Protein backbone atom coordinates (compact mmCIF):
# COMPACT_ATOMS: atom_id res chain seq x y z
CA MET A 1 7.80 -25.96 2.91
CA THR A 2 10.08 -28.28 0.94
CA PHE A 3 10.73 -28.19 -2.81
CA ASP A 4 11.43 -31.14 -5.05
CA LEU A 5 14.78 -31.36 -6.82
CA ASP A 6 13.41 -29.42 -9.78
CA GLY A 7 12.34 -26.57 -7.46
CA THR A 8 8.65 -27.38 -7.53
CA THR A 9 6.28 -28.34 -4.72
CA PRO A 10 3.94 -31.35 -4.69
CA GLU A 11 0.43 -30.61 -5.99
CA SER A 12 -2.61 -30.78 -3.66
CA ASP A 13 -6.23 -31.60 -4.50
CA ILE A 14 -7.95 -28.18 -4.65
CA SER A 15 -11.42 -29.71 -4.96
CA THR A 16 -11.44 -29.88 -1.14
CA ILE A 17 -11.05 -26.89 1.18
CA ASP A 18 -8.07 -28.53 2.90
CA GLY A 19 -6.40 -29.05 -0.48
CA LEU A 20 -7.19 -25.50 -1.57
CA MET A 21 -5.73 -24.09 1.64
CA GLN A 22 -2.62 -26.21 1.17
CA GLU A 23 -2.13 -24.97 -2.39
CA LEU A 24 -2.52 -21.36 -1.22
CA GLN A 25 0.16 -21.97 1.37
CA ASN A 26 2.34 -23.61 -1.30
CA GLN A 27 1.93 -20.53 -3.51
CA ALA A 28 2.78 -18.22 -0.59
CA ALA A 29 5.84 -20.33 0.20
CA LEU A 30 6.98 -20.19 -3.43
CA LEU A 31 6.67 -16.39 -3.54
CA ILE A 32 8.67 -16.07 -0.35
CA ALA A 33 11.26 -18.61 -1.45
CA VAL A 34 12.16 -16.82 -4.68
CA ALA A 35 12.35 -13.52 -2.77
CA THR A 36 14.57 -14.85 0.01
CA GLY A 37 17.37 -16.67 -1.79
CA GLY A 38 15.45 -19.78 -2.83
CA PRO A 39 14.99 -21.22 -6.33
CA ARG A 40 15.55 -19.09 -9.41
CA ILE A 41 12.45 -17.51 -10.96
CA GLN A 42 12.98 -19.38 -14.23
CA ALA A 43 12.90 -22.72 -12.42
CA VAL A 44 9.48 -22.21 -10.81
CA GLU A 45 7.69 -19.77 -13.14
CA ALA A 46 5.70 -22.53 -14.84
CA GLU A 47 4.57 -23.92 -11.48
CA TYR A 48 3.55 -20.46 -10.29
CA GLN A 49 1.50 -19.84 -13.45
CA ARG A 50 -0.18 -23.26 -13.31
CA ARG A 51 -1.10 -22.91 -9.66
CA ARG A 52 -2.25 -19.33 -10.12
CA ARG A 53 -4.73 -20.33 -12.85
CA GLN A 54 -6.11 -23.17 -10.75
CA LEU A 55 -6.38 -21.07 -7.58
CA VAL A 56 -8.11 -18.16 -9.34
CA ARG A 57 -10.85 -20.48 -10.65
CA ALA A 58 -11.19 -22.46 -7.42
CA LEU A 59 -11.41 -19.36 -5.24
CA GLU A 60 -13.91 -17.62 -7.54
CA ARG A 61 -16.19 -20.65 -7.25
CA ARG A 62 -16.16 -20.06 -3.50
CA GLY A 63 -16.76 -16.30 -3.81
CA LEU A 64 -13.18 -15.40 -2.90
CA GLN A 65 -10.42 -13.51 -4.66
CA TYR A 66 -6.92 -14.77 -5.44
CA PRO A 67 -4.77 -12.81 -2.96
CA PHE A 68 -1.56 -12.25 -4.94
CA PRO A 69 -1.73 -9.44 -7.56
CA TRP A 70 1.29 -10.51 -9.66
CA HIS A 71 0.55 -12.31 -12.92
CA ASP A 72 4.12 -13.62 -13.09
CA LEU A 73 7.14 -13.83 -10.82
CA GLN A 74 8.99 -11.08 -12.65
CA LEU A 75 6.28 -8.65 -11.53
CA TRP A 76 6.70 -9.95 -7.98
CA TYR A 77 10.46 -9.38 -8.31
CA GLY A 78 9.87 -5.78 -9.41
CA TYR A 79 7.49 -5.19 -6.52
CA TRP A 80 9.72 -6.56 -3.78
CA HIS A 81 12.81 -4.89 -5.25
CA ALA A 82 11.06 -1.50 -5.10
CA ASN A 83 9.04 -1.80 -1.90
CA LEU A 84 10.28 -4.60 0.38
CA PRO A 85 13.96 -4.12 1.22
CA ASN A 86 14.55 -7.19 3.40
CA TYR A 87 13.52 -10.81 3.85
CA ILE A 88 11.33 -10.11 6.89
CA SER A 89 9.25 -7.49 5.07
CA ARG A 90 8.71 -9.89 2.14
CA ARG A 91 7.59 -12.73 4.40
CA THR A 92 5.27 -10.40 6.30
CA HIS A 93 3.74 -8.94 3.13
CA ILE A 94 2.87 -12.35 1.68
CA SER A 95 1.45 -13.45 5.04
CA GLN A 96 -0.79 -10.39 5.19
CA LEU A 97 -2.10 -11.08 1.68
CA VAL A 98 -2.86 -14.77 2.10
CA GLY A 99 -4.07 -14.67 5.71
CA PRO A 100 -7.62 -13.32 5.18
CA VAL A 101 -8.31 -15.83 2.38
CA LEU A 102 -7.18 -18.75 4.54
CA GLU A 103 -9.47 -17.49 7.31
CA ALA A 104 -12.41 -17.23 4.90
CA LEU A 105 -11.84 -20.80 3.74
CA GLU A 106 -11.68 -21.97 7.33
CA ARG A 107 -15.05 -20.35 7.98
CA GLN A 108 -16.53 -22.05 4.92
CA GLN A 109 -15.35 -25.36 6.31
CA SER A 110 -17.37 -24.75 9.46
CA ASP A 111 -20.40 -26.97 9.91
CA LEU A 112 -22.42 -24.31 11.73
CA THR A 113 -26.00 -23.84 10.57
CA VAL A 114 -26.66 -20.18 9.76
CA ILE A 115 -30.05 -18.78 10.76
CA ASP A 116 -31.12 -15.39 9.42
CA LEU A 117 -33.21 -13.81 12.17
CA ARG A 118 -34.91 -11.54 9.62
CA SER A 119 -36.52 -14.42 7.71
CA LYS A 120 -40.06 -15.58 8.34
CA GLU A 121 -38.81 -19.13 8.71
CA SER A 122 -36.35 -18.31 11.50
CA THR A 123 -38.80 -19.09 14.31
CA SER A 124 -39.60 -22.53 12.91
CA GLU A 125 -35.89 -23.16 12.26
CA VAL A 126 -35.06 -22.39 15.88
CA SER A 127 -37.98 -24.56 17.00
CA ASN A 128 -36.47 -27.49 15.15
CA LEU A 129 -32.96 -27.22 16.60
CA ASP A 130 -31.62 -30.51 17.87
CA LYS A 131 -30.51 -30.67 21.47
CA GLY A 132 -26.83 -29.89 21.79
CA GLY A 133 -26.39 -28.45 18.30
CA SER A 134 -24.37 -25.35 17.47
CA TYR A 135 -25.78 -22.57 15.35
CA ARG A 136 -24.75 -19.11 14.23
CA MET A 137 -27.33 -16.35 14.17
CA PHE A 138 -26.76 -13.10 12.30
CA THR A 139 -28.42 -9.91 11.19
CA PRO A 140 -27.26 -7.68 8.29
CA LEU A 141 -24.33 -5.37 8.91
CA GLU A 142 -24.86 -1.65 8.33
CA VAL A 143 -22.41 -0.07 5.89
CA PHE A 144 -22.04 3.73 6.16
CA CYS A 145 -20.60 5.65 3.19
CA CYS A 146 -18.65 8.82 3.97
CA TYR A 147 -17.99 10.84 0.80
CA ALA A 148 -17.65 14.30 -0.71
CA ARG A 149 -20.52 15.67 -2.80
CA GLU A 150 -18.26 15.85 -5.86
CA ASP A 151 -17.91 12.04 -5.75
CA GLN A 152 -21.62 11.23 -5.62
CA GLU A 153 -21.57 9.62 -9.08
CA MET A 154 -18.95 7.11 -7.89
CA LEU A 155 -21.03 6.42 -4.80
CA VAL A 156 -23.95 5.47 -7.06
CA HIS A 157 -21.75 3.00 -8.96
CA LEU A 158 -20.39 1.57 -5.70
CA LYS A 159 -23.91 0.93 -4.42
CA LYS A 160 -24.78 -0.91 -7.64
CA HIS A 161 -21.87 -3.26 -7.14
CA LEU A 162 -22.85 -3.88 -3.50
CA VAL A 163 -26.45 -4.79 -4.39
CA PRO A 164 -25.70 -8.57 -4.42
CA LEU A 165 -24.55 -8.37 -0.80
CA GLU A 166 -27.76 -6.52 0.06
CA ARG A 167 -29.90 -9.12 -1.67
CA GLN A 168 -28.12 -11.90 0.22
CA GLY A 169 -29.00 -10.16 3.48
CA GLN A 170 -25.34 -9.57 4.34
CA ILE A 171 -25.47 -5.76 4.53
CA THR A 172 -27.60 -2.65 4.43
CA ILE A 173 -26.09 0.51 2.92
CA TRP A 174 -26.59 4.02 4.27
CA SER A 175 -25.42 7.40 3.02
CA ASP A 176 -26.91 10.86 3.25
CA THR A 177 -28.65 10.18 -0.07
CA ASN A 178 -31.05 8.04 2.01
CA LEU A 179 -32.30 11.11 3.85
CA ASN A 180 -35.93 12.07 3.33
CA ALA A 181 -37.11 15.65 2.93
CA GLY A 182 -37.81 17.42 6.19
CA VAL A 183 -35.62 15.27 8.46
CA GLU A 184 -32.93 16.69 10.71
CA TRP A 185 -30.16 15.53 8.40
CA GLU A 186 -27.20 16.05 10.72
CA LYS A 187 -28.88 14.25 13.62
CA GLU A 188 -29.84 11.25 11.49
CA LEU A 189 -26.45 11.14 9.83
CA HIS A 190 -24.70 10.97 13.18
CA GLN A 191 -27.09 8.27 14.39
CA HIS A 192 -26.10 6.09 11.46
CA LEU A 193 -22.42 6.95 11.89
CA GLU A 194 -22.68 5.70 15.48
CA SER A 195 -24.60 2.52 14.60
CA ALA A 196 -22.68 1.46 11.47
CA ASP A 197 -20.70 -1.78 11.55
CA ILE A 198 -18.54 -0.90 8.53
CA ILE A 199 -17.64 2.66 7.51
CA LEU A 200 -16.36 3.32 3.99
CA LEU A 201 -14.24 6.43 3.48
CA LEU A 202 -14.39 7.46 -0.20
CA ILE A 203 -11.03 9.21 -0.48
CA SER A 204 -10.43 11.91 -3.09
CA PRO A 205 -8.98 15.43 -3.20
CA ASP A 206 -12.46 16.78 -2.41
CA PHE A 207 -12.82 14.45 0.57
CA MET A 208 -9.42 15.52 1.91
CA ALA A 209 -10.33 19.19 1.43
CA SER A 210 -13.70 18.92 3.17
CA ASP A 211 -13.56 19.91 6.83
CA TYR A 212 -16.80 18.05 7.53
CA CYS A 213 -15.71 14.79 5.84
CA TYR A 214 -12.15 14.87 7.12
CA SER A 215 -12.56 16.15 10.66
CA THR A 216 -16.12 15.36 11.69
CA GLU A 217 -17.14 12.14 9.92
CA MET A 218 -13.71 10.57 9.50
CA GLY A 219 -12.60 11.56 12.98
CA ARG A 220 -15.55 9.80 14.61
CA ALA A 221 -15.25 6.81 12.26
CA LEU A 222 -11.61 6.23 13.21
CA ALA A 223 -12.42 6.66 16.89
CA ARG A 224 -15.04 3.89 16.64
CA HIS A 225 -12.56 1.74 14.68
CA ASN A 226 -9.90 2.16 17.38
CA GLU A 227 -12.48 1.33 20.06
CA GLY A 228 -13.25 -1.91 18.23
CA ASN A 229 -16.88 -0.93 17.59
CA ALA A 230 -16.68 -0.58 13.80
CA VAL A 231 -14.43 -1.41 10.87
CA VAL A 232 -13.19 1.45 8.70
CA ILE A 233 -12.22 0.76 5.07
CA PRO A 234 -10.63 3.65 3.12
CA MET A 235 -11.36 3.54 -0.61
CA LEU A 236 -9.12 5.54 -2.94
CA LEU A 237 -11.32 7.05 -5.67
CA ARG A 238 -8.94 9.61 -7.16
CA SER A 239 -5.26 10.38 -6.74
CA THR A 240 -4.50 12.55 -3.75
CA PHE A 241 -1.84 12.77 -1.05
CA TRP A 242 -3.17 10.50 1.70
CA GLN A 243 0.00 8.84 3.02
CA ASN A 244 0.18 10.99 6.19
CA ALA A 245 -3.55 10.87 6.91
CA PRO A 246 -4.85 9.20 10.10
CA PHE A 247 -6.31 6.33 8.05
CA ALA A 248 -3.00 5.61 6.27
CA LYS A 249 -2.29 2.65 8.61
CA LEU A 250 -5.45 0.89 7.40
CA GLN A 251 -5.67 -1.42 4.39
CA MET A 252 -6.66 0.70 1.39
CA VAL A 253 -8.90 -0.53 -1.42
CA PRO A 254 -8.85 -1.17 -4.35
CA MET A 255 -5.91 -3.56 -4.50
CA ASN A 256 -2.46 -2.02 -4.05
CA ALA A 257 -4.07 1.35 -3.22
CA LYS A 258 -4.43 2.05 -6.94
CA PRO A 259 -6.89 4.93 -7.45
CA LEU A 260 -10.18 3.74 -8.90
CA THR A 261 -9.99 6.23 -11.75
CA SER A 262 -6.60 4.77 -12.80
CA TRP A 263 -8.04 1.35 -13.60
CA PRO A 264 -8.56 0.69 -17.34
CA ASP A 265 -11.98 -0.79 -16.53
CA ARG A 266 -13.70 0.79 -13.53
CA ASP A 267 -16.01 -2.19 -13.15
CA ASP A 268 -12.90 -4.27 -12.41
CA ALA A 269 -11.97 -1.81 -9.68
CA PHE A 270 -15.47 -1.82 -8.17
CA HIS A 271 -15.47 -5.64 -8.32
CA ASN A 272 -12.18 -5.74 -6.44
CA ILE A 273 -13.61 -3.36 -3.84
CA THR A 274 -16.77 -5.43 -3.48
CA MET A 275 -14.77 -8.63 -2.96
CA GLN A 276 -12.74 -7.00 -0.20
CA ILE A 277 -15.86 -5.58 1.48
CA ASN A 278 -17.44 -9.03 1.28
CA GLN A 279 -14.38 -10.45 2.99
CA ALA A 280 -14.59 -7.84 5.74
CA VAL A 281 -18.29 -8.60 6.20
CA SER A 282 -17.59 -12.32 6.59
CA GLU A 283 -14.85 -11.69 9.14
CA LEU A 284 -16.98 -9.29 11.15
CA GLN A 285 -20.00 -11.60 11.14
CA THR A 286 -17.84 -14.43 12.41
CA ARG A 287 -16.30 -12.27 15.14
CA ARG A 288 -19.67 -11.01 16.29
CA ALA A 289 -21.55 -14.27 15.71
CA GLN A 290 -23.92 -15.35 18.44
CA VAL A 291 -23.27 -19.04 18.89
CA VAL A 292 -26.46 -20.66 20.08
CA ALA A 293 -26.55 -23.95 21.96
CA PRO A 294 -30.02 -25.16 23.01
CA GLN A 295 -30.05 -26.34 26.60
CA ASN A 296 -32.33 -29.27 27.54
CA TYR A 297 -34.65 -28.31 24.73
CA SER A 298 -36.49 -29.98 21.88
CA ALA A 299 -39.37 -28.71 19.77
CA ALA A 300 -41.32 -31.89 20.53
CA ASN A 301 -41.16 -31.15 24.28
CA VAL A 302 -42.41 -27.63 23.69
CA ARG A 303 -45.37 -28.89 21.65
CA SER A 304 -46.32 -31.56 24.18
CA GLU A 305 -46.04 -29.17 27.10
CA SER A 306 -48.12 -26.61 25.22
CA ALA A 307 -50.85 -29.24 24.95
CA ASP A 308 -50.95 -29.46 28.76
CA ASP A 309 -52.43 -25.92 28.63
CA GLY A 310 -51.00 -25.08 32.02
CA ARG A 311 -52.49 -28.05 33.91
CA ASN A 312 -49.08 -28.98 35.27
CA GLU A 313 -47.32 -26.08 36.98
CA ASN A 314 -43.81 -27.39 36.28
CA ALA A 315 -44.65 -28.10 32.67
CA GLN A 316 -46.10 -24.61 32.32
CA ARG A 317 -42.91 -23.10 33.74
CA ARG A 318 -40.78 -25.13 31.36
CA LYS A 319 -43.01 -24.13 28.48
CA ASP A 320 -42.56 -20.45 29.31
CA GLN A 321 -38.80 -20.92 29.54
CA ALA A 322 -38.70 -22.98 26.36
CA SER A 323 -40.17 -20.48 23.95
CA PRO A 324 -38.39 -21.00 20.62
CA MET A 325 -36.86 -17.54 20.86
CA THR A 326 -35.94 -17.65 24.56
CA ASP A 327 -34.85 -21.19 25.45
CA LEU A 328 -31.48 -20.57 23.93
CA ARG A 329 -28.19 -20.04 25.65
CA ILE A 330 -26.99 -17.15 23.48
CA THR A 331 -23.30 -16.47 23.86
CA ASN A 332 -21.40 -13.51 22.48
CA ASN A 333 -18.14 -14.54 24.06
CA SER A 334 -15.78 -11.65 23.58
CA ILE A 335 -13.05 -13.17 25.77
CA ALA A 336 -12.60 -16.71 24.45
CA LEU A 337 -10.83 -17.33 21.17
CA SER A 338 -12.91 -16.47 18.13
CA ARG A 339 -13.18 -18.86 15.20
CA THR A 340 -11.03 -16.49 13.14
CA GLU A 341 -8.29 -16.50 15.78
CA ILE A 342 -8.35 -20.29 15.97
CA ALA A 343 -8.14 -20.44 12.17
CA GLN A 344 -5.13 -18.09 12.20
CA LEU A 345 -3.39 -20.14 14.89
CA VAL A 346 -3.98 -23.40 13.03
CA ASN A 347 -3.54 -22.47 9.38
CA GLN A 348 -1.09 -19.59 9.51
CA TYR A 349 0.95 -19.92 12.68
CA ILE A 350 1.27 -23.69 13.12
CA GLY A 351 0.62 -24.68 9.51
CA VAL A 352 -1.32 -27.58 8.02
CA SER A 353 -0.13 -30.25 5.60
CA GLY A 354 -2.47 -32.92 4.25
CA GLY A 355 -4.96 -32.22 7.02
CA TYR A 356 -2.34 -32.70 9.73
CA LEU A 357 -1.15 -30.02 12.12
CA GLY A 358 2.46 -28.87 11.85
CA ASP A 359 4.87 -31.73 12.51
CA PHE A 360 2.52 -33.38 15.00
CA ASN A 361 1.82 -37.08 14.85
CA TYR A 362 -0.81 -38.66 17.09
CA ARG A 363 1.74 -39.43 19.82
CA THR A 364 3.46 -36.02 19.93
CA HIS A 365 0.07 -34.29 19.77
CA ALA A 366 -1.04 -36.25 22.85
CA GLU A 367 2.19 -35.35 24.68
CA PHE A 368 1.92 -31.66 23.77
CA TYR A 369 -0.83 -30.75 26.25
CA LEU A 370 0.98 -32.01 29.34
CA ASP A 371 4.53 -31.11 28.26
CA TYR A 372 3.84 -27.58 26.97
CA CYS A 373 0.48 -26.55 28.45
CA ASN A 374 0.39 -28.35 31.83
CA LEU A 375 -3.09 -29.61 30.93
CA ASN A 376 -4.33 -33.18 31.32
CA ILE A 377 -6.00 -33.60 27.92
CA ASN A 378 -6.22 -36.78 25.87
CA PRO A 379 -6.78 -35.94 22.18
CA ASN A 380 -7.27 -39.64 21.41
CA GLU A 381 -10.76 -39.29 22.85
CA HIS A 382 -11.68 -37.35 19.71
CA GLU A 383 -12.04 -38.42 16.09
CA GLY A 384 -10.22 -37.05 13.06
CA THR A 385 -6.78 -35.78 12.09
CA THR A 386 -4.48 -33.96 14.51
CA ARG A 387 -5.77 -30.70 13.05
CA GLU A 388 -9.43 -31.63 13.60
CA ARG A 389 -8.75 -32.87 17.13
CA PHE A 390 -6.78 -29.73 18.02
CA ILE A 391 -9.58 -27.44 16.82
CA THR A 392 -12.23 -29.45 18.68
CA ILE A 393 -10.24 -29.34 21.92
CA LEU A 394 -9.24 -25.67 21.71
CA SER A 395 -12.78 -24.56 20.87
CA SER A 396 -14.21 -26.33 23.92
CA LEU A 397 -11.79 -25.00 26.54
CA PRO A 398 -12.46 -22.06 28.90
CA PRO A 399 -10.39 -18.91 28.22
CA ARG A 400 -7.62 -19.58 30.76
CA ASP A 401 -7.01 -23.08 29.40
CA GLN A 402 -7.10 -21.65 25.87
CA ALA A 403 -4.36 -19.24 26.98
CA ALA A 404 -2.26 -22.20 28.19
CA VAL A 405 -2.64 -23.95 24.83
CA VAL A 406 -1.79 -20.83 22.80
CA ARG A 407 1.28 -20.23 24.99
CA GLY A 408 2.25 -23.86 24.48
CA VAL A 409 1.93 -23.42 20.71
CA LEU A 410 4.19 -20.34 20.75
CA ASN A 411 6.80 -22.24 22.75
CA ARG A 412 6.51 -25.43 20.69
CA PHE A 413 6.49 -23.82 17.24
CA LEU A 414 9.22 -21.19 16.90
CA VAL A 415 8.87 -18.34 14.41
CA GLU A 416 12.15 -18.97 12.66
CA ALA A 417 11.33 -22.64 12.05
CA GLY A 418 7.85 -22.14 10.64
CA PRO A 419 6.01 -21.82 7.35
CA ALA A 420 5.95 -18.56 5.41
CA THR A 421 2.82 -17.41 7.20
CA ARG A 422 4.34 -17.77 10.70
CA THR A 423 5.70 -14.29 11.38
CA ALA A 424 7.01 -12.37 14.36
CA GLU A 425 4.06 -10.02 13.97
CA MET A 426 1.61 -12.91 14.35
CA HIS A 427 3.60 -14.23 17.33
CA ASN A 428 3.21 -10.86 19.06
CA LYS A 429 -0.49 -10.78 18.22
CA PHE A 430 -1.04 -14.11 19.98
CA LEU A 431 0.91 -12.87 23.01
CA GLN A 432 -1.68 -10.07 23.26
CA ILE A 433 -4.49 -12.60 22.87
CA ILE A 434 -3.02 -14.62 25.74
CA GLN A 435 -3.20 -11.51 27.94
CA ARG A 436 -6.88 -11.10 27.05
CA LEU A 437 -7.66 -14.75 27.78
CA GLU A 438 -5.86 -14.66 31.13
CA SER A 439 -7.20 -11.27 32.25
CA GLY A 440 -10.78 -11.79 31.17
CA THR A 441 -10.84 -8.46 29.31
CA PRO A 442 -13.14 -8.51 26.26
CA TYR A 443 -11.77 -7.52 22.85
CA PHE A 444 -14.87 -5.63 21.71
């Protein structure tokens, strides 16, 4: 990131997703710059305020939340001075804040058609898929609420704020308040605890004091989280000592782990929580998405073969195989790079400027695959910017070739020479991803 002579950065067009992502990265770079010996706060405060106002509005229009909690740079100064003692910790903190929003924008930029398998129209939608298209199919995620009885009133308010996600078909919510009279409550509770995709821990002094909440429910929830079978989100309702708890390593909500009861307006706190749950839902749906690619299939062929009424044996066999719900090559590829991982590699590790990838031009991008990856790939066979070509190529490769490209990226783009979002922590994460791609071991 470079600053003009007056300490400011050039403005991007935030009406496009690429421009919005660039401005987010500019804002992240500015925050890091003032905290690591860059321009003086007074020189860039006006730019920070202008960009903050624009980003808040632009992100809200896309259902996302501005990731940086500081209304001005003096508040950022106070935060880093008290909590982030060195340059590395400041860079890492900003990267962790901006990363999920960049990933969410990358997903919005995807041209995948989303088919809700619960809808009555889903069968006809699948029947009308064009040959060779790519589609994402999803079902609602189950959200399990683990809470102490004393906090039931807050649970009711939380559910109200999550109703929009329910109506959109993104989630279903379960807590023991859903139990009907006469059921074996403990058996059903544990069934839902085992099947939940997202588990909310409603943290309070009563939760921490409850043996059942703390040891039984939370213990199993964290075990499933560590196994990669669920996502646990701790939610701090009331002040209590939680820093040494097993969930302390997880990201706490609301923002900055500020107890919900400490917010001047509790609706603001619940809104912040809902936005972060929505973000987690989007990430999990993307990671677990079933990407569907019809194989030698068209709805017209199915209809014409159905008219044969079995008179041709081969046509009948193809008809049976080409049922709208079965003639689909459904892939839940848990080894290859996920869309979120590709987005992280592109937007956070390499960095994007004006739609172009890092410092690549068309020539150096073409040379990269042979020089750094030992792969004979010609990106000039694809349309678009270097960023668009890179994503197209990487998405189409088998896992071992993906590993070669990721390794090439790590060797080509060094941590110390990168944008604010390129951290040593992310470098190590991609080394682990390379091991998965090369070993063939799934990640969930």
